[in-house]
Amino acid sequence: MKYDIGIDIGVASTGIAIVDEEGKVLEATSSLYSEADAASNVERRNFRDSRRTKRRQHTRIEDFKKLWNAYGYSIPESLDNNVIGLRNKGIIEKISMDQLYAVLLTMLKHRGISYLDDAIDESNYAKGIALNQKELADKLPCEIQAERLEKYGKYRGDSIIKNGEEEEYHSNVFTISAYKKELEKLFDTQSKFNFEITPEFQGAYMKIF
């Protein structure tokens, strides 16, 4: 005997029916699910963006490790956790290769943002970014972060700081170009003390960054 299967796909349900060649319904069922909406689409898109960001970060880190090994450098067994201190030290004086590795690895994990579109509104987040841009006129990200860590005990995340009668909005969001400027200063300083930090290595790392 011949059977036909009919499927009806809707935005919130799917119906299935099996009929014989005489048109008699032998079996019928349906499945209900939540209807898609704009909020759900945003949530799914955010999840996709998060997964994509993690994949790209993983790729950068693996490429950096290959680059480090390719130049004959040894990957340290343990890393110095005081990366803020190392970043500030590295732009003015010599640090060890193990310490440099820790800094360069961390910079690949936290590269900043490539745009400032979010800074045009009046939100606290936007005000924090605007303050960062103002301070970057004569400071590097590592210097701003170190100052806030010493003065307020933290630099990560967003916070509201009382500055007299006014409120100051702090955000740890900096642009990629700001971090790039910091890296260039770091390489310029370290290459004066260590001839292993060649222009070729610097260029290859910045390409990964």
N, C-alpha and C. Protein backbone atom coordinates (compact mmCIF):
# COMPACT_ATOMS: atom_id res chain seq x y z
N MET A 1 0.84 -1.19 0.00
CA MET A 1 0.00 0.00 0.00
C MET A 1 0.89 1.25 0.00
N LYS A 2 0.48 2.26 -0.71
CA LYS A 2 1.23 3.51 -0.80
C LYS A 2 0.81 4.46 0.31
N TYR A 3 1.80 5.16 0.90
CA TYR A 3 1.53 6.14 1.95
C TYR A 3 2.11 7.49 1.54
N ASP A 4 1.46 8.53 1.98
CA ASP A 4 1.97 9.89 1.79
C ASP A 4 2.16 10.55 3.14
N ILE A 5 3.21 11.35 3.22
CA ILE A 5 3.49 12.09 4.45
C ILE A 5 3.37 13.58 4.15
N GLY A 6 2.57 14.26 4.94
CA GLY A 6 2.40 15.69 4.77
C GLY A 6 3.00 16.44 5.95
N ILE A 7 3.75 17.50 5.66
CA ILE A 7 4.39 18.29 6.72
C ILE A 7 3.99 19.75 6.55
N ASP A 8 3.52 20.35 7.63
CA ASP A 8 3.14 21.76 7.62
C ASP A 8 4.03 22.49 8.62
N ILE A 9 4.95 23.32 8.13
CA ILE A 9 5.90 24.03 8.99
C ILE A 9 5.45 25.47 9.17
N GLY A 10 5.20 25.85 10.42
CA GLY A 10 4.80 27.21 10.73
C GLY A 10 5.84 27.90 11.58
N VAL A 11 5.56 29.16 11.98
CA VAL A 11 6.53 29.91 12.77
C VAL A 11 6.56 29.46 14.22
N ALA A 12 5.52 28.76 14.67
CA ALA A 12 5.48 28.32 16.07
C ALA A 12 5.09 26.86 16.23
N SER A 13 4.94 26.14 15.10
CA SER A 13 4.56 24.73 15.19
C SER A 13 4.90 24.00 13.89
N THR A 14 4.97 22.69 14.00
CA THR A 14 5.15 21.83 12.83
C THR A 14 4.14 20.69 12.94
N GLY A 15 3.33 20.52 11.89
CA GLY A 15 2.35 19.44 11.87
C GLY A 15 2.75 18.35 10.89
N ILE A 16 2.52 17.10 11.27
CA ILE A 16 2.87 15.95 10.42
C ILE A 16 1.66 15.02 10.33
N ALA A 17 1.35 14.54 9.12
CA ALA A 17 0.24 13.60 8.94
C ALA A 17 0.63 12.51 7.95
N ILE A 18 0.15 11.31 8.20
CA ILE A 18 0.39 10.17 7.30
C ILE A 18 -0.97 9.71 6.77
N VAL A 19 -1.12 9.66 5.47
CA VAL A 19 -2.39 9.24 4.86
C VAL A 19 -2.13 8.10 3.87
N ASP A 20 -3.16 7.26 3.69
CA ASP A 20 -3.01 6.18 2.72
C ASP A 20 -3.44 6.66 1.35
N GLU A 21 -3.42 5.77 0.40
CA GLU A 21 -3.72 6.17 -0.98
C GLU A 21 -5.18 6.52 -1.20
N GLU A 22 -6.02 6.18 -0.22
CA GLU A 22 -7.43 6.54 -0.30
C GLU A 22 -7.71 7.87 0.39
N GLY A 23 -6.67 8.46 1.00
CA GLY A 23 -6.83 9.75 1.66
C GLY A 23 -7.20 9.64 3.12
N LYS A 24 -7.16 8.44 3.66
CA LYS A 24 -7.49 8.24 5.06
C LYS A 24 -6.29 8.61 5.93
N VAL A 25 -6.52 9.44 6.97
CA VAL A 25 -5.45 9.84 7.88
C VAL A 25 -5.15 8.70 8.84
N LEU A 26 -3.93 8.18 8.75
CA LEU A 26 -3.53 7.07 9.60
C LEU A 26 -2.87 7.54 10.89
N GLU A 27 -2.18 8.66 10.81
CA GLU A 27 -1.47 9.21 11.97
C GLU A 27 -1.29 10.70 11.78
N ALA A 28 -1.45 11.46 12.87
CA ALA A 28 -1.26 12.91 12.80
C ALA A 28 -0.71 13.40 14.13
N THR A 29 0.22 14.33 14.08
CA THR A 29 0.79 14.89 15.30
C THR A 29 1.34 16.29 15.01
N SER A 30 1.67 17.01 16.06
CA SER A 30 2.23 18.35 15.88
C SER A 30 3.18 18.65 17.02
N SER A 31 4.11 19.52 16.75
CA SER A 31 5.06 19.98 17.77
C SER A 31 4.97 21.50 17.86
N LEU A 32 4.88 22.00 19.09
CA LEU A 32 4.80 23.43 19.32
C LEU A 32 6.12 23.94 19.88
N TYR A 33 6.51 25.15 19.51
CA TYR A 33 7.72 25.75 20.05
C TYR A 33 7.55 27.26 20.09
N SER A 34 8.43 27.90 20.82
CA SER A 34 8.32 29.35 20.99
C SER A 34 8.53 30.06 19.66
N GLU A 35 7.70 31.03 19.42
CA GLU A 35 7.82 31.81 18.19
C GLU A 35 9.05 32.70 18.25
N ALA A 36 9.79 32.76 17.16
CA ALA A 36 10.99 33.61 17.11
C ALA A 36 10.59 35.08 17.21
N ASP A 37 11.38 35.86 17.92
CA ASP A 37 11.13 37.29 18.01
C ASP A 37 12.46 38.03 17.93
N ALA A 38 12.37 39.34 17.90
CA ALA A 38 13.59 40.15 17.73
C ALA A 38 14.56 39.94 18.88
N ALA A 39 14.02 39.83 20.10
CA ALA A 39 14.90 39.65 21.27
C ALA A 39 15.67 38.34 21.16
N SER A 40 14.99 37.28 20.70
CA SER A 40 15.66 35.99 20.55
C SER A 40 16.73 36.05 19.48
N ASN A 41 16.45 36.79 18.42
CA ASN A 41 17.43 36.94 17.35
C ASN A 41 18.69 37.63 17.86
N VAL A 42 18.51 38.67 18.67
CA VAL A 42 19.65 39.39 19.24
C VAL A 42 20.46 38.46 20.13
N GLU A 43 19.77 37.66 20.95
CA GLU A 43 20.46 36.74 21.85
C GLU A 43 21.27 35.71 21.07
N ARG A 44 20.65 35.15 20.01
CA ARG A 44 21.37 34.17 19.19
C ARG A 44 22.57 34.80 18.50
N ARG A 45 22.39 36.04 18.02
CA ARG A 45 23.49 36.73 17.35
C ARG A 45 24.63 37.01 18.31
N ASN A 46 24.29 37.37 19.56
CA ASN A 46 25.33 37.61 20.57
C ASN A 46 26.11 36.34 20.88
N PHE A 47 25.38 35.20 20.94
CA PHE A 47 26.05 33.92 21.18
C PHE A 47 27.00 33.59 20.03
N ARG A 48 26.55 33.84 18.80
CA ARG A 48 27.40 33.58 17.63
C ARG A 48 28.64 34.46 17.66
N ASP A 49 28.44 35.75 17.98
CA ASP A 49 29.57 36.68 18.05
C ASP A 49 30.56 36.26 19.12
N SER A 50 30.03 35.78 20.26
CA SER A 50 30.91 35.36 21.36
C SER A 50 31.73 34.15 20.95
N ARG A 51 31.07 33.18 20.28
CA ARG A 51 31.81 31.99 19.82
C ARG A 51 32.86 32.36 18.78
N ARG A 52 32.51 33.28 17.88
CA ARG A 52 33.45 33.71 16.85
C ARG A 52 34.65 34.42 17.48
N THR A 53 34.38 35.27 18.46
CA THR A 53 35.46 35.99 19.15
C THR A 53 36.41 35.02 19.83
N LYS A 54 35.86 34.00 20.50
CA LYS A 54 36.70 33.01 21.19
C LYS A 54 37.53 32.21 20.20
N ARG A 55 36.93 31.84 19.05
CA ARG A 55 37.68 31.10 18.03
C ARG A 55 38.84 31.93 17.50
N ARG A 56 38.59 33.20 17.24
CA ARG A 56 39.64 34.06 16.71
C ARG A 56 40.74 34.29 17.74
N GLN A 57 40.34 34.45 19.01
CA GLN A 57 41.33 34.61 20.06
C GLN A 57 42.20 33.37 20.19
N HIS A 58 41.57 32.19 20.12
CA HIS A 58 42.32 30.94 20.19
C HIS A 58 43.30 30.84 19.03
N THR A 59 42.88 31.24 17.83
CA THR A 59 43.75 31.19 16.67
C THR A 59 44.95 32.12 16.84
N ARG A 60 44.70 33.34 17.35
CA ARG A 60 45.80 34.30 17.57
C ARG A 60 46.81 33.73 18.55
N ILE A 61 46.32 33.14 19.64
CA ILE A 61 47.22 32.60 20.66
C ILE A 61 48.06 31.46 20.11
N GLU A 62 47.44 30.56 19.36
CA GLU A 62 48.17 29.43 18.77
C GLU A 62 49.19 29.90 17.75
N ASP A 63 48.82 30.90 16.95
CA ASP A 63 49.76 31.46 15.97
C ASP A 63 50.95 32.12 16.67
N PHE A 64 50.68 32.79 17.79
CA PHE A 64 51.75 33.43 18.56
C PHE A 64 52.71 32.39 19.13
N LYS A 65 52.18 31.30 19.67
CA LYS A 65 53.04 30.26 20.23
C LYS A 65 53.93 29.66 19.14
N LYS A 66 53.38 29.46 17.95
CA LYS A 66 54.17 28.94 16.83
C LYS A 66 55.26 29.93 16.44
N LEU A 67 54.90 31.22 16.43
CA LEU A 67 55.88 32.26 16.11
C LEU A 67 57.00 32.29 17.15
N TRP A 68 56.64 32.21 18.41
CA TRP A 68 57.62 32.24 19.50
C TRP A 68 58.60 31.07 19.36
N ASN A 69 58.06 29.90 19.09
CA ASN A 69 58.91 28.72 18.91
C ASN A 69 59.76 28.82 17.65
N ALA A 70 59.18 29.38 16.59
CA ALA A 70 59.90 29.49 15.32
C ALA A 70 61.16 30.34 15.45
N TYR A 71 61.15 31.30 16.36
CA TYR A 71 62.32 32.15 16.58
C TYR A 71 63.25 31.58 17.64
N GLY A 72 62.97 30.36 18.08
CA GLY A 72 63.84 29.69 19.02
C GLY A 72 63.68 30.11 20.46
N TYR A 73 62.60 30.82 20.78
CA TYR A 73 62.37 31.24 22.16
C TYR A 73 61.65 30.12 22.92
N SER A 74 61.89 30.03 24.20
CA SER A 74 61.27 28.99 25.03
C SER A 74 60.00 29.54 25.69
N ILE A 75 58.93 28.78 25.58
CA ILE A 75 57.68 29.17 26.25
C ILE A 75 57.82 28.87 27.74
N PRO A 76 57.66 29.86 28.59
CA PRO A 76 57.84 29.65 30.03
C PRO A 76 56.81 28.67 30.61
N GLU A 77 57.24 27.90 31.61
CA GLU A 77 56.35 26.95 32.24
C GLU A 77 55.31 27.64 33.11
N SER A 78 55.65 28.79 33.68
CA SER A 78 54.71 29.56 34.48
C SER A 78 54.81 31.02 34.08
N LEU A 79 53.71 31.75 34.26
CA LEU A 79 53.66 33.14 33.84
C LEU A 79 53.53 34.07 35.04
N ASP A 80 54.17 35.22 34.93
CA ASP A 80 54.03 36.27 35.94
C ASP A 80 52.63 36.87 35.81
N ASN A 81 51.86 36.84 36.90
CA ASN A 81 50.48 37.31 36.86
C ASN A 81 50.35 38.83 36.95
N ASN A 82 51.42 39.50 37.31
CA ASN A 82 51.37 40.96 37.43
C ASN A 82 51.61 41.60 36.06
N VAL A 83 50.69 41.35 35.14
CA VAL A 83 50.90 41.80 33.76
C VAL A 83 50.82 43.32 33.66
N ILE A 84 49.95 43.95 34.45
CA ILE A 84 49.88 45.42 34.44
C ILE A 84 51.23 46.02 34.81
N GLY A 85 51.85 45.47 35.86
CA GLY A 85 53.18 45.94 36.26
C GLY A 85 54.21 45.70 35.18
N LEU A 86 54.15 44.54 34.53
CA LEU A 86 55.12 44.22 33.48
C LEU A 86 54.94 45.11 32.26
N ARG A 87 53.71 45.42 31.93
CA ARG A 87 53.46 46.28 30.77
C ARG A 87 54.03 47.68 31.01
N ASN A 88 53.85 48.19 32.22
CA ASN A 88 54.37 49.52 32.53
C ASN A 88 55.89 49.51 32.65
N LYS A 89 56.43 48.44 33.18
CA LYS A 89 57.89 48.32 33.28
C LYS A 89 58.50 48.16 31.90
N GLY A 90 57.84 47.38 31.05
CA GLY A 90 58.39 47.06 29.73
C GLY A 90 58.49 48.23 28.78
N ILE A 91 57.72 49.29 29.02
CA ILE A 91 57.80 50.44 28.11
C ILE A 91 58.91 51.41 28.49
N ILE A 92 59.56 51.16 29.65
CA ILE A 92 60.63 52.08 30.07
C ILE A 92 61.95 51.38 30.39
N GLU A 93 61.91 50.07 30.68
CA GLU A 93 63.15 49.37 31.00
C GLU A 93 63.07 47.90 30.59
N LYS A 94 64.20 47.21 30.70
CA LYS A 94 64.28 45.83 30.25
C LYS A 94 63.45 44.90 31.12
N ILE A 95 62.77 43.95 30.45
CA ILE A 95 62.12 42.85 31.14
C ILE A 95 62.63 41.55 30.51
N SER A 96 62.49 40.45 31.22
CA SER A 96 63.00 39.17 30.72
C SER A 96 62.15 38.65 29.57
N MET A 97 62.66 37.67 28.84
CA MET A 97 61.91 37.06 27.75
C MET A 97 60.65 36.38 28.26
N ASP A 98 60.73 35.74 29.42
CA ASP A 98 59.54 35.11 30.00
C ASP A 98 58.48 36.16 30.32
N GLN A 99 58.93 37.29 30.84
CA GLN A 99 57.99 38.36 31.15
C GLN A 99 57.40 38.97 29.88
N LEU A 100 58.23 39.11 28.85
CA LEU A 100 57.75 39.63 27.57
C LEU A 100 56.70 38.69 26.98
N TYR A 101 56.95 37.40 27.09
CA TYR A 101 55.98 36.42 26.60
C TYR A 101 54.63 36.60 27.28
N ALA A 102 54.65 36.78 28.61
CA ALA A 102 53.41 36.96 29.37
C ALA A 102 52.65 38.20 28.89
N VAL A 103 53.39 39.28 28.64
CA VAL A 103 52.76 40.51 28.18
C VAL A 103 52.15 40.33 26.80
N LEU A 104 52.93 39.78 25.87
CA LEU A 104 52.45 39.63 24.49
C LEU A 104 51.27 38.68 24.40
N LEU A 105 51.28 37.64 25.24
CA LEU A 105 50.16 36.70 25.26
C LEU A 105 48.89 37.39 25.75
N THR A 106 49.02 38.16 26.82
CA THR A 106 47.86 38.86 27.37
C THR A 106 47.30 39.88 26.40
N MET A 107 48.17 40.57 25.68
CA MET A 107 47.71 41.58 24.73
C MET A 107 46.89 40.97 23.60
N LEU A 108 47.14 39.71 23.28
CA LEU A 108 46.36 39.03 22.25
C LEU A 108 44.97 38.64 22.76
N LYS A 109 44.85 38.53 24.07
CA LYS A 109 43.56 38.18 24.67
C LYS A 109 42.67 39.39 24.86
N HIS A 110 43.28 40.55 25.02
CA HIS A 110 42.53 41.78 25.29
C HIS A 110 43.02 42.86 24.33
N ARG A 111 42.47 42.84 23.13
CA ARG A 111 42.96 43.75 22.09
C ARG A 111 42.19 45.06 22.01
N GLY A 112 41.07 45.17 22.72
CA GLY A 112 40.27 46.39 22.64
C GLY A 112 39.25 46.32 21.52
N ILE A 113 38.63 47.45 21.24
CA ILE A 113 37.59 47.54 20.22
C ILE A 113 38.14 48.29 19.00
N SER A 114 37.54 48.03 17.86
CA SER A 114 38.03 48.65 16.63
C SER A 114 37.21 49.87 16.22
N TYR A 115 36.19 50.20 16.99
CA TYR A 115 35.32 51.31 16.63
C TYR A 115 34.84 52.02 17.89
N LEU A 116 34.34 53.24 17.70
CA LEU A 116 33.86 54.02 18.84
C LEU A 116 32.41 54.45 18.64
N ASP A 117 31.65 53.69 17.87
CA ASP A 117 30.25 54.04 17.63
C ASP A 117 29.45 54.12 18.92
N ASP A 118 29.80 53.25 19.89
CA ASP A 118 29.05 53.23 21.14
C ASP A 118 29.30 54.46 21.99
N ALA A 119 30.28 55.26 21.63
CA ALA A 119 30.65 56.39 22.47
C ALA A 119 29.91 57.68 22.09
N ILE A 120 28.94 57.59 21.18
CA ILE A 120 28.27 58.80 20.74
C ILE A 120 27.00 59.09 21.54
N ASP A 121 26.53 58.15 22.35
CA ASP A 121 25.33 58.40 23.13
C ASP A 121 25.69 58.97 24.50
N GLU A 122 24.71 59.02 25.40
CA GLU A 122 24.93 59.63 26.72
C GLU A 122 24.97 58.59 27.83
N SER A 123 25.17 57.32 27.49
CA SER A 123 25.21 56.28 28.51
C SER A 123 26.50 56.38 29.32
N ASN A 124 26.48 55.76 30.51
CA ASN A 124 27.68 55.74 31.35
C ASN A 124 28.83 55.05 30.62
N TYR A 125 28.49 54.00 29.87
CA TYR A 125 29.49 53.26 29.11
C TYR A 125 30.19 54.19 28.11
N ALA A 126 29.38 54.98 27.41
CA ALA A 126 29.93 55.90 26.41
C ALA A 126 30.78 56.98 27.07
N LYS A 127 30.33 57.46 28.24
CA LYS A 127 31.09 58.48 28.95
C LYS A 127 32.45 57.93 29.42
N GLY A 128 32.45 56.64 29.82
CA GLY A 128 33.70 56.02 30.23
C GLY A 128 34.69 55.93 29.08
N ILE A 129 34.20 55.57 27.90
CA ILE A 129 35.07 55.48 26.73
C ILE A 129 35.58 56.87 26.34
N ALA A 130 34.69 57.86 26.44
CA ALA A 130 35.10 59.23 26.10
C ALA A 130 36.21 59.71 27.04
N LEU A 131 36.11 59.36 28.33
CA LEU A 131 37.17 59.73 29.28
C LEU A 131 38.48 59.04 28.92
N ASN A 132 38.39 57.78 28.53
CA ASN A 132 39.59 57.05 28.12
C ASN A 132 40.26 57.74 26.94
N GLN A 133 39.45 58.12 25.96
CA GLN A 133 40.01 58.79 24.77
C GLN A 133 40.71 60.09 25.15
N LYS A 134 40.17 60.80 26.13
CA LYS A 134 40.78 62.04 26.58
C LYS A 134 42.12 61.77 27.25
N GLU A 135 42.17 60.76 28.12
CA GLU A 135 43.41 60.45 28.84
C GLU A 135 44.46 59.84 27.92
N LEU A 136 44.02 59.21 26.83
CA LEU A 136 44.98 58.60 25.89
C LEU A 136 45.78 59.63 25.11
N ALA A 137 45.41 60.90 25.24
CA ALA A 137 46.14 61.95 24.54
C ALA A 137 47.60 62.00 24.98
N ASP A 138 47.85 61.67 26.27
CA ASP A 138 49.24 61.70 26.75
C ASP A 138 49.61 60.48 27.59
N LYS A 139 48.78 59.43 27.53
CA LYS A 139 49.07 58.22 28.27
C LYS A 139 48.77 56.99 27.41
N LEU A 140 49.38 55.88 27.78
CA LEU A 140 49.09 54.60 27.14
C LEU A 140 48.08 53.85 27.99
N PRO A 141 47.36 52.87 27.42
CA PRO A 141 46.37 52.12 28.20
C PRO A 141 46.93 51.54 29.50
N CYS A 142 48.16 50.98 29.44
CA CYS A 142 48.74 50.37 30.64
C CYS A 142 48.96 51.40 31.74
N GLU A 143 49.28 52.64 31.37
CA GLU A 143 49.51 53.68 32.37
C GLU A 143 48.20 54.11 33.03
N ILE A 144 47.16 54.22 32.23
CA ILE A 144 45.84 54.57 32.77
C ILE A 144 45.34 53.47 33.71
N GLN A 145 45.49 52.22 33.27
CA GLN A 145 45.04 51.10 34.09
C GLN A 145 45.80 51.00 35.39
N ALA A 146 47.11 51.21 35.34
CA ALA A 146 47.94 51.15 36.55
C ALA A 146 47.56 52.25 37.53
N GLU A 147 47.31 53.45 37.04
CA GLU A 147 46.91 54.56 37.90
C GLU A 147 45.60 54.26 38.61
N ARG A 148 44.64 53.71 37.87
CA ARG A 148 43.34 53.40 38.47
C ARG A 148 43.45 52.26 39.47
N LEU A 149 44.30 51.29 39.17
CA LEU A 149 44.49 50.18 40.09
C LEU A 149 45.08 50.67 41.40
N GLU A 150 46.05 51.57 41.31
CA GLU A 150 46.70 52.09 42.51
C GLU A 150 45.76 53.01 43.30
N LYS A 151 44.99 53.82 42.60
CA LYS A 151 44.15 54.82 43.26
C LYS A 151 42.82 54.27 43.75
N TYR A 152 42.22 53.37 42.94
CA TYR A 152 40.87 52.88 43.27
C TYR A 152 40.82 51.39 43.58
N GLY A 153 41.96 50.70 43.42
CA GLY A 153 41.99 49.27 43.74
C GLY A 153 41.45 48.38 42.65
N LYS A 154 41.09 48.93 41.51
CA LYS A 154 40.59 48.14 40.38
C LYS A 154 40.69 48.95 39.10
N TYR A 155 40.69 48.25 38.00
CA TYR A 155 40.66 48.93 36.70
C TYR A 155 39.76 48.21 35.71
N ARG A 156 39.44 46.96 35.99
CA ARG A 156 38.57 46.19 35.09
C ARG A 156 37.11 46.58 35.31
N GLY A 157 36.31 46.32 34.25
CA GLY A 157 34.88 46.57 34.35
C GLY A 157 34.53 48.05 34.30
N ASP A 158 33.27 48.35 34.59
CA ASP A 158 32.78 49.72 34.60
C ASP A 158 32.51 50.14 36.04
N SER A 159 32.76 51.39 36.36
CA SER A 159 32.51 51.87 37.71
C SER A 159 32.25 53.37 37.68
N ILE A 160 31.60 53.86 38.73
CA ILE A 160 31.32 55.28 38.88
C ILE A 160 32.16 55.79 40.06
N ILE A 161 32.99 56.77 39.79
CA ILE A 161 33.88 57.32 40.81
C ILE A 161 33.45 58.74 41.17
N LYS A 162 33.35 59.01 42.46
CA LYS A 162 33.02 60.36 42.91
C LYS A 162 34.26 61.24 42.84
N ASN A 163 34.18 62.30 42.06
CA ASN A 163 35.28 63.24 41.90
C ASN A 163 34.77 64.61 42.35
N GLY A 164 34.83 64.84 43.67
CA GLY A 164 34.25 66.06 44.21
C GLY A 164 32.74 65.99 44.14
N GLU A 165 32.14 66.98 43.52
CA GLU A 165 30.69 67.01 43.37
C GLU A 165 30.24 66.26 42.11
N GLU A 166 31.18 65.90 41.27
CA GLU A 166 30.84 65.26 40.01
C GLU A 166 31.13 63.77 40.05
N GLU A 167 30.45 63.05 39.16
CA GLU A 167 30.68 61.62 39.02
C GLU A 167 31.51 61.36 37.78
N GLU A 168 32.48 60.49 37.93
CA GLU A 168 33.37 60.14 36.82
C GLU A 168 33.13 58.69 36.45
N TYR A 169 32.89 58.44 35.18
CA TYR A 169 32.57 57.10 34.73
C TYR A 169 33.82 56.44 34.15
N HIS A 170 34.21 55.32 34.74
CA HIS A 170 35.39 54.60 34.29
C HIS A 170 34.99 53.34 33.55
N SER A 171 35.63 53.11 32.44
CA SER A 171 35.43 51.90 31.65
C SER A 171 36.79 51.38 31.22
N ASN A 172 36.96 50.07 31.24
CA ASN A 172 38.24 49.49 30.83
C ASN A 172 38.22 49.11 29.35
N VAL A 173 37.58 49.93 28.55
CA VAL A 173 37.48 49.68 27.12
C VAL A 173 38.36 50.68 26.37
N PHE A 174 39.33 50.15 25.63
CA PHE A 174 40.23 50.97 24.83
C PHE A 174 40.23 50.46 23.40
N THR A 175 40.67 51.30 22.49
CA THR A 175 40.69 50.91 21.09
C THR A 175 41.91 50.03 20.77
N ILE A 176 41.78 49.26 19.70
CA ILE A 176 42.90 48.45 19.22
C ILE A 176 44.10 49.35 18.90
N SER A 177 43.82 50.52 18.32
CA SER A 177 44.91 51.43 17.94
C SER A 177 45.67 51.92 19.17
N ALA A 178 44.97 52.08 20.31
CA ALA A 178 45.64 52.50 21.54
C ALA A 178 46.57 51.41 22.05
N TYR A 179 46.09 50.16 22.02
CA TYR A 179 46.94 49.03 22.44
C TYR A 179 48.09 48.83 21.46
N LYS A 180 47.84 49.10 20.18
CA LYS A 180 48.90 48.98 19.18
C LYS A 180 50.01 49.98 19.47
N LYS A 181 49.65 51.18 19.85
CA LYS A 181 50.63 52.21 20.21
C LYS A 181 51.45 51.77 21.41
N GLU A 182 50.79 51.13 22.37
CA GLU A 182 51.50 50.62 23.55
C GLU A 182 52.48 49.53 23.16
N LEU A 183 52.06 48.62 22.27
CA LEU A 183 52.94 47.54 21.82
C LEU A 183 54.16 48.09 21.09
N GLU A 184 53.94 49.09 20.27
CA GLU A 184 55.06 49.69 19.54
C GLU A 184 56.08 50.30 20.50
N LYS A 185 55.59 50.93 21.57
CA LYS A 185 56.49 51.49 22.59
C LYS A 185 57.22 50.36 23.31
N LEU A 186 56.51 49.29 23.62
CA LEU A 186 57.11 48.13 24.29
C LEU A 186 58.23 47.54 23.44
N PHE A 187 57.96 47.30 22.16
CA PHE A 187 58.97 46.72 21.27
C PHE A 187 60.15 47.66 21.09
N ASP A 188 59.87 48.94 20.97
CA ASP A 188 60.95 49.92 20.80
C ASP A 188 61.90 49.89 21.99
N THR A 189 61.34 49.80 23.19
CA THR A 189 62.16 49.78 24.40
C THR A 189 62.91 48.46 24.54
N GLN A 190 62.22 47.34 24.36
CA GLN A 190 62.85 46.04 24.57
C GLN A 190 63.91 45.72 23.52
N SER A 191 63.73 46.20 22.30
CA SER A 191 64.71 45.93 21.25
C SER A 191 66.04 46.64 21.53
N LYS A 192 66.01 47.67 22.36
CA LYS A 192 67.25 48.36 22.72
C LYS A 192 68.09 47.54 23.69
N PHE A 193 67.43 46.67 24.45
CA PHE A 193 68.12 45.84 25.44
C PHE A 193 68.37 44.41 24.95
N ASN A 194 67.56 43.96 24.00
CA ASN A 194 67.61 42.56 23.58
C ASN A 194 67.56 42.48 22.06
N PHE A 195 68.68 42.06 21.46
CA PHE A 195 68.76 41.99 20.00
C PHE A 195 67.93 40.84 19.42
N GLU A 196 67.42 39.96 20.29
CA GLU A 196 66.55 38.88 19.81
C GLU A 196 65.20 39.41 19.34
N ILE A 197 64.83 40.58 19.84
CA ILE A 197 63.55 41.18 19.46
C ILE A 197 63.76 41.91 18.12
N THR A 198 63.83 41.15 17.07
CA THR A 198 64.15 41.68 15.75
C THR A 198 62.94 42.38 15.12
N PRO A 199 63.19 43.25 14.13
CA PRO A 199 62.08 43.88 13.41
C PRO A 199 61.17 42.84 12.74
N GLU A 200 61.77 41.73 12.29
CA GLU A 200 60.98 40.68 11.65
C GLU A 200 60.01 40.04 12.64
N PHE A 201 60.51 39.78 13.85
CA PHE A 201 59.64 39.21 14.87
C PHE A 201 58.52 40.19 15.23
N GLN A 202 58.89 41.44 15.40
CA GLN A 202 57.90 42.46 15.75
C GLN A 202 56.81 42.55 14.69
N GLY A 203 57.23 42.55 13.43
CA GLY A 203 56.26 42.64 12.34
C GLY A 203 55.33 41.43 12.29
N ALA A 204 55.90 40.24 12.52
CA ALA A 204 55.10 39.02 12.50
C ALA A 204 54.10 39.02 13.65
N TYR A 205 54.52 39.49 14.82
CA TYR A 205 53.61 39.54 15.96
C TYR A 205 52.48 40.55 15.71
N MET A 206 52.83 41.72 15.21
CA MET A 206 51.81 42.74 14.97
C MET A 206 50.80 42.28 13.92
N LYS A 207 51.24 41.46 13.00
CA LYS A 207 50.33 40.91 12.01
C LYS A 207 49.31 40.00 12.67
N ILE A 208 49.77 39.20 13.63
CA ILE A 208 48.87 38.33 14.39
C ILE A 208 47.92 39.18 15.23
N PHE A 209 48.48 40.21 15.89
CA PHE A 209 47.68 41.10 16.73
C PHE A 209 46.59 41.78 15.93
